[in-house]
């Protein structure tokens, strides 16, 4: 577990929103990437905690999008159906957990994440 860092209530709120905004993917295509991207781009300069958590949310959701594409391709061999369900459950649980931790001021690190943005 990562230790808490100095963060203001406002930066904790924006960091939590960066994680929760991934649920926009349930409404429109690629919303799970665009939501965290927009929050990160707007707030990264003024709030270091949002910069850190926004990159984390963005990297995780890009990674999960790639894993879903692979799962969809694996439907041909019938394994993809199971993979899609498991990935969707893992995604939802981890996004909620990250939002809660960020709201507490604790930087969250997602597992299964490819670090595209450093």
N, C-alpha and C. Protein backbone atom coordinates (compact mmCIF):
# COMPACT_ATOMS: atom_id res chain seq x y z
N UNK A 1 0.85 -1.18 0.00
CA UNK A 1 0.00 0.00 0.00
C UNK A 1 0.89 1.24 0.00
N UNK A 2 0.52 2.20 -0.80
CA UNK A 2 1.25 3.44 -0.87
C UNK A 2 0.80 4.35 0.26
N UNK A 3 1.73 5.09 0.82
CA UNK A 3 1.38 5.97 1.94
C UNK A 3 0.68 7.22 1.44
N UNK A 4 -0.12 7.86 2.30
CA UNK A 4 -0.81 9.08 1.91
C UNK A 4 0.19 10.19 1.59
N UNK A 5 -0.17 11.05 0.66
CA UNK A 5 0.66 12.21 0.34
C UNK A 5 -0.16 13.45 0.60
N UNK A 6 0.51 14.59 0.66
CA UNK A 6 -0.20 15.84 0.88
C UNK A 6 -1.11 16.13 -0.31
N UNK A 7 -2.36 16.32 -0.01
CA UNK A 7 -3.32 16.66 -1.05
C UNK A 7 -4.45 17.47 -0.42
N UNK A 8 -4.99 18.36 -1.20
CA UNK A 8 -6.09 19.18 -0.73
C UNK A 8 -7.40 18.44 -0.97
N UNK A 9 -8.46 18.83 -0.28
CA UNK A 9 -9.76 18.21 -0.56
C UNK A 9 -10.16 18.35 -2.04
N UNK A 10 -9.82 19.48 -2.63
CA UNK A 10 -10.17 19.69 -4.04
C UNK A 10 -9.39 18.74 -4.95
N UNK A 11 -8.10 18.57 -4.68
CA UNK A 11 -7.32 17.66 -5.52
C UNK A 11 -7.75 16.21 -5.33
N UNK A 12 -8.14 15.84 -4.11
CA UNK A 12 -8.65 14.49 -3.87
C UNK A 12 -9.95 14.27 -4.64
N UNK A 13 -10.81 15.29 -4.67
CA UNK A 13 -12.07 15.17 -5.42
C UNK A 13 -11.80 14.97 -6.91
N UNK A 14 -10.90 15.79 -7.47
CA UNK A 14 -10.59 15.67 -8.90
C UNK A 14 -9.91 14.35 -9.22
N UNK A 15 -9.05 13.88 -8.32
CA UNK A 15 -8.40 12.58 -8.54
C UNK A 15 -9.43 11.46 -8.54
N UNK A 16 -10.38 11.53 -7.61
CA UNK A 16 -11.46 10.52 -7.58
C UNK A 16 -12.29 10.59 -8.85
N UNK A 17 -12.57 11.79 -9.31
CA UNK A 17 -13.34 11.95 -10.55
C UNK A 17 -12.57 11.39 -11.76
N UNK A 18 -11.25 11.51 -11.74
CA UNK A 18 -10.45 10.94 -12.83
C UNK A 18 -10.66 9.43 -12.91
N UNK A 19 -10.75 8.79 -11.75
CA UNK A 19 -10.99 7.35 -11.74
C UNK A 19 -12.44 7.03 -12.12
N UNK A 20 -13.39 7.70 -11.48
CA UNK A 20 -14.82 7.42 -11.70
C UNK A 20 -15.25 7.76 -13.13
N UNK A 21 -14.59 8.74 -13.74
CA UNK A 21 -14.96 9.12 -15.10
C UNK A 21 -14.79 7.99 -16.09
N UNK A 22 -14.08 6.94 -15.71
CA UNK A 22 -13.93 5.77 -16.58
C UNK A 22 -15.28 5.12 -16.87
N UNK A 23 -16.24 5.30 -15.97
CA UNK A 23 -17.57 4.73 -16.21
C UNK A 23 -18.28 5.40 -17.38
N UNK A 24 -17.73 6.48 -17.91
CA UNK A 24 -18.28 7.09 -19.12
C UNK A 24 -18.21 6.09 -20.28
N UNK A 25 -17.33 5.12 -20.17
CA UNK A 25 -17.23 4.08 -21.20
C UNK A 25 -18.47 3.21 -21.30
N UNK A 26 -19.29 3.23 -20.26
CA UNK A 26 -20.55 2.49 -20.32
C UNK A 26 -21.59 3.24 -21.13
N UNK A 27 -21.34 4.53 -21.37
CA UNK A 27 -22.31 5.38 -22.09
C UNK A 27 -21.91 5.57 -23.55
N UNK A 28 -20.62 5.81 -23.80
CA UNK A 28 -20.19 6.01 -25.18
C UNK A 28 -18.82 5.36 -25.40
N UNK A 29 -18.54 4.98 -26.65
CA UNK A 29 -17.29 4.27 -26.96
C UNK A 29 -16.06 5.07 -26.55
N UNK A 30 -15.11 4.40 -25.97
CA UNK A 30 -13.84 4.96 -25.52
C UNK A 30 -13.99 6.02 -24.44
N UNK A 31 -15.16 6.09 -23.83
CA UNK A 31 -15.37 7.02 -22.73
C UNK A 31 -14.51 6.68 -21.53
N UNK A 32 -14.17 5.40 -21.38
CA UNK A 32 -13.34 5.00 -20.24
C UNK A 32 -11.92 5.55 -20.37
N UNK A 33 -11.51 5.90 -21.56
CA UNK A 33 -10.20 6.52 -21.76
C UNK A 33 -10.35 8.05 -21.83
N UNK A 34 -11.38 8.51 -22.49
CA UNK A 34 -11.56 9.96 -22.66
C UNK A 34 -11.87 10.69 -21.37
N UNK A 35 -12.64 10.07 -20.47
CA UNK A 35 -12.97 10.71 -19.19
C UNK A 35 -11.73 11.04 -18.38
N UNK A 36 -10.91 10.01 -18.05
CA UNK A 36 -9.68 10.30 -17.31
C UNK A 36 -8.72 11.22 -18.07
N UNK A 37 -8.67 11.08 -19.39
CA UNK A 37 -7.78 11.93 -20.20
C UNK A 37 -8.17 13.40 -20.05
N UNK A 38 -9.44 13.71 -20.15
CA UNK A 38 -9.88 15.11 -20.04
C UNK A 38 -9.56 15.70 -18.67
N UNK A 39 -9.86 14.96 -17.63
CA UNK A 39 -9.58 15.47 -16.28
C UNK A 39 -8.08 15.64 -16.08
N UNK A 40 -7.30 14.68 -16.53
CA UNK A 40 -5.86 14.77 -16.39
C UNK A 40 -5.29 15.97 -17.15
N UNK A 41 -5.74 16.18 -18.39
CA UNK A 41 -5.23 17.29 -19.19
C UNK A 41 -5.59 18.65 -18.58
N UNK A 42 -6.78 18.76 -18.01
CA UNK A 42 -7.24 20.04 -17.47
C UNK A 42 -6.58 20.36 -16.13
N UNK A 43 -6.38 19.36 -15.27
CA UNK A 43 -5.94 19.63 -13.89
C UNK A 43 -4.50 19.25 -13.58
N UNK A 44 -3.78 18.64 -14.49
CA UNK A 44 -2.43 18.13 -14.18
C UNK A 44 -1.44 19.21 -13.81
N UNK A 45 -1.55 20.38 -14.39
CA UNK A 45 -0.59 21.46 -14.13
C UNK A 45 -0.74 22.06 -12.74
N UNK A 46 -1.97 22.16 -12.25
CA UNK A 46 -2.20 22.85 -10.98
C UNK A 46 -2.27 21.93 -9.77
N UNK A 47 -2.46 20.63 -9.98
CA UNK A 47 -2.61 19.70 -8.85
C UNK A 47 -1.77 18.45 -9.08
N UNK A 48 -0.63 18.33 -8.40
CA UNK A 48 0.25 17.16 -8.58
C UNK A 48 -0.44 15.83 -8.27
N UNK A 49 -1.33 15.81 -7.29
CA UNK A 49 -2.03 14.57 -6.94
C UNK A 49 -2.93 14.13 -8.10
N UNK A 50 -3.58 15.08 -8.75
CA UNK A 50 -4.44 14.77 -9.90
C UNK A 50 -3.57 14.34 -11.08
N UNK A 51 -2.42 14.95 -11.23
CA UNK A 51 -1.49 14.55 -12.29
C UNK A 51 -1.12 13.08 -12.13
N UNK A 52 -0.75 12.69 -10.92
CA UNK A 52 -0.36 11.30 -10.63
C UNK A 52 -1.53 10.34 -10.83
N UNK A 53 -2.66 10.63 -10.23
CA UNK A 53 -3.81 9.72 -10.29
C UNK A 53 -4.47 9.73 -11.66
N UNK A 54 -4.44 10.87 -12.35
CA UNK A 54 -4.98 10.93 -13.71
C UNK A 54 -4.20 10.05 -14.67
N UNK A 55 -2.87 10.10 -14.56
CA UNK A 55 -2.03 9.22 -15.39
C UNK A 55 -2.30 7.76 -15.07
N UNK A 56 -2.45 7.47 -13.78
CA UNK A 56 -2.72 6.10 -13.35
C UNK A 56 -4.04 5.60 -13.94
N UNK A 57 -5.09 6.42 -13.83
CA UNK A 57 -6.40 6.04 -14.36
C UNK A 57 -6.35 5.88 -15.88
N UNK A 58 -5.66 6.79 -16.53
CA UNK A 58 -5.54 6.74 -17.99
C UNK A 58 -4.78 5.49 -18.44
N UNK A 59 -3.66 5.20 -17.82
CA UNK A 59 -2.88 3.99 -18.16
C UNK A 59 -3.69 2.73 -17.95
N UNK A 60 -4.40 2.66 -16.82
CA UNK A 60 -5.20 1.47 -16.53
C UNK A 60 -6.30 1.27 -17.57
N UNK A 61 -6.99 2.34 -17.92
CA UNK A 61 -8.10 2.21 -18.86
C UNK A 61 -7.64 1.95 -20.28
N UNK A 62 -6.49 2.47 -20.66
CA UNK A 62 -5.92 2.10 -21.96
C UNK A 62 -5.56 0.62 -21.96
N UNK A 63 -4.94 0.17 -20.87
CA UNK A 63 -4.57 -1.25 -20.76
C UNK A 63 -5.81 -2.14 -20.83
N UNK A 64 -6.85 -1.78 -20.09
CA UNK A 64 -8.07 -2.60 -20.09
C UNK A 64 -8.74 -2.60 -21.47
N UNK A 65 -8.67 -1.49 -22.18
CA UNK A 65 -9.23 -1.44 -23.54
C UNK A 65 -8.48 -2.43 -24.44
N UNK A 66 -7.17 -2.46 -24.32
CA UNK A 66 -6.38 -3.42 -25.11
C UNK A 66 -6.71 -4.85 -24.72
N UNK A 67 -6.85 -5.11 -23.43
CA UNK A 67 -7.20 -6.47 -22.98
C UNK A 67 -8.58 -6.87 -23.51
N UNK A 68 -9.51 -5.93 -23.56
CA UNK A 68 -10.85 -6.22 -24.08
C UNK A 68 -10.81 -6.54 -25.58
N UNK A 69 -9.98 -5.80 -26.32
CA UNK A 69 -9.83 -6.07 -27.75
C UNK A 69 -9.31 -7.49 -27.96
N UNK A 70 -8.31 -7.87 -27.17
CA UNK A 70 -7.78 -9.24 -27.27
C UNK A 70 -8.87 -10.25 -26.91
N UNK A 71 -9.65 -9.95 -25.88
CA UNK A 71 -10.74 -10.85 -25.47
C UNK A 71 -11.77 -11.01 -26.58
N UNK A 72 -12.09 -9.91 -27.23
CA UNK A 72 -13.06 -9.97 -28.33
C UNK A 72 -12.52 -10.85 -29.46
N UNK A 73 -11.23 -10.71 -29.74
CA UNK A 73 -10.62 -11.55 -30.77
C UNK A 73 -10.61 -13.02 -30.35
N UNK A 74 -10.53 -13.27 -29.05
CA UNK A 74 -10.47 -14.64 -28.54
C UNK A 74 -11.86 -15.29 -28.50
N UNK A 75 -12.90 -14.55 -28.80
CA UNK A 75 -14.24 -15.14 -28.86
C UNK A 75 -14.27 -16.26 -29.91
N UNK A 76 -13.44 -16.14 -30.92
CA UNK A 76 -13.37 -17.14 -31.98
C UNK A 76 -13.09 -18.52 -31.38
N UNK A 77 -12.28 -18.58 -30.34
CA UNK A 77 -11.97 -19.87 -29.71
C UNK A 77 -12.76 -20.05 -28.41
N UNK A 78 -13.82 -19.27 -28.24
CA UNK A 78 -14.77 -19.37 -27.14
C UNK A 78 -14.23 -18.98 -25.76
N UNK A 79 -12.96 -18.71 -25.64
CA UNK A 79 -12.38 -18.30 -24.36
C UNK A 79 -12.71 -16.83 -24.09
N UNK A 80 -12.89 -16.08 -25.15
CA UNK A 80 -13.13 -14.64 -25.05
C UNK A 80 -14.35 -14.28 -24.23
N UNK A 81 -15.40 -15.08 -24.31
CA UNK A 81 -16.63 -14.77 -23.56
C UNK A 81 -16.34 -14.70 -22.06
N UNK A 82 -15.62 -15.68 -21.56
CA UNK A 82 -15.26 -15.71 -20.15
C UNK A 82 -14.32 -14.55 -19.81
N UNK A 83 -13.34 -14.30 -20.67
CA UNK A 83 -12.38 -13.23 -20.44
C UNK A 83 -13.05 -11.87 -20.36
N UNK A 84 -14.02 -11.63 -21.22
CA UNK A 84 -14.73 -10.35 -21.22
C UNK A 84 -15.46 -10.14 -19.90
N UNK A 85 -16.14 -11.15 -19.43
CA UNK A 85 -16.85 -11.05 -18.16
C UNK A 85 -15.93 -10.81 -16.98
N UNK A 86 -14.85 -11.55 -16.93
CA UNK A 86 -13.89 -11.41 -15.83
C UNK A 86 -13.23 -10.03 -15.87
N UNK A 87 -12.82 -9.59 -17.06
CA UNK A 87 -12.20 -8.27 -17.18
C UNK A 87 -13.16 -7.16 -16.79
N UNK A 88 -14.41 -7.26 -17.18
CA UNK A 88 -15.39 -6.23 -16.84
C UNK A 88 -15.58 -6.14 -15.32
N UNK A 89 -15.64 -7.27 -14.67
CA UNK A 89 -15.79 -7.28 -13.21
C UNK A 89 -14.56 -6.70 -12.53
N UNK A 90 -13.38 -7.13 -12.94
CA UNK A 90 -12.13 -6.61 -12.37
C UNK A 90 -12.06 -5.10 -12.58
N UNK A 91 -12.37 -4.65 -13.78
CA UNK A 91 -12.33 -3.22 -14.12
C UNK A 91 -13.22 -2.41 -13.18
N UNK A 92 -14.47 -2.82 -13.04
CA UNK A 92 -15.42 -2.06 -12.21
C UNK A 92 -14.98 -2.01 -10.75
N UNK A 93 -14.55 -3.13 -10.21
CA UNK A 93 -14.12 -3.18 -8.80
C UNK A 93 -12.89 -2.31 -8.58
N UNK A 94 -11.90 -2.40 -9.47
CA UNK A 94 -10.68 -1.63 -9.30
C UNK A 94 -10.90 -0.13 -9.47
N UNK A 95 -11.78 0.26 -10.39
CA UNK A 95 -12.07 1.69 -10.58
C UNK A 95 -12.71 2.26 -9.31
N UNK A 96 -13.65 1.54 -8.74
CA UNK A 96 -14.29 2.01 -7.50
C UNK A 96 -13.28 2.07 -6.36
N UNK A 97 -12.46 1.05 -6.22
CA UNK A 97 -11.44 1.03 -5.18
C UNK A 97 -10.47 2.20 -5.34
N UNK A 98 -10.04 2.46 -6.55
CA UNK A 98 -9.11 3.57 -6.81
C UNK A 98 -9.75 4.91 -6.47
N UNK A 99 -11.02 5.08 -6.80
CA UNK A 99 -11.71 6.34 -6.49
C UNK A 99 -11.81 6.55 -4.99
N UNK A 100 -12.11 5.50 -4.26
CA UNK A 100 -12.22 5.61 -2.80
C UNK A 100 -10.86 5.95 -2.20
N UNK A 101 -9.82 5.26 -2.63
CA UNK A 101 -8.48 5.52 -2.10
C UNK A 101 -8.03 6.94 -2.44
N UNK A 102 -8.28 7.39 -3.65
CA UNK A 102 -7.90 8.75 -4.04
C UNK A 102 -8.63 9.78 -3.20
N UNK A 103 -9.88 9.52 -2.92
CA UNK A 103 -10.67 10.44 -2.11
C UNK A 103 -10.11 10.53 -0.68
N UNK A 104 -9.45 9.47 -0.23
CA UNK A 104 -8.81 9.46 1.09
C UNK A 104 -7.43 10.10 1.05
N UNK A 105 -6.96 10.47 -0.14
CA UNK A 105 -5.63 11.06 -0.29
C UNK A 105 -4.52 10.03 -0.44
N UNK A 106 -4.89 8.80 -0.69
CA UNK A 106 -3.90 7.72 -0.84
C UNK A 106 -3.73 7.43 -2.33
N UNK A 107 -2.52 7.62 -2.86
CA UNK A 107 -2.30 7.32 -4.28
C UNK A 107 -2.53 5.83 -4.54
N UNK A 108 -3.31 5.52 -5.56
CA UNK A 108 -3.63 4.13 -5.88
C UNK A 108 -2.86 3.69 -7.11
N UNK A 109 -2.34 2.47 -7.08
CA UNK A 109 -1.66 1.87 -8.23
C UNK A 109 -2.45 0.64 -8.65
N UNK A 110 -2.95 0.69 -9.88
CA UNK A 110 -3.71 -0.43 -10.43
C UNK A 110 -2.79 -1.59 -10.77
N UNK A 111 -3.25 -2.82 -10.52
CA UNK A 111 -2.51 -3.97 -11.05
C UNK A 111 -2.84 -4.13 -12.54
N UNK A 112 -2.11 -4.96 -13.23
CA UNK A 112 -2.38 -5.29 -14.65
C UNK A 112 -2.26 -4.09 -15.58
N UNK A 113 -1.50 -3.08 -15.18
CA UNK A 113 -1.43 -1.85 -15.95
C UNK A 113 -0.13 -1.72 -16.73
N UNK A 114 -0.26 -1.39 -17.99
CA UNK A 114 0.91 -1.07 -18.82
C UNK A 114 1.10 0.44 -18.67
N UNK A 115 2.30 0.87 -18.32
CA UNK A 115 2.57 2.29 -18.06
C UNK A 115 2.93 2.99 -19.37
N UNK A 116 1.92 3.40 -20.11
CA UNK A 116 2.14 4.13 -21.36
C UNK A 116 2.60 5.55 -21.10
N UNK A 117 1.98 6.19 -20.11
CA UNK A 117 2.29 7.58 -19.78
C UNK A 117 3.05 7.58 -18.46
N UNK A 118 4.24 8.11 -18.47
CA UNK A 118 5.05 8.14 -17.26
C UNK A 118 4.82 9.41 -16.58
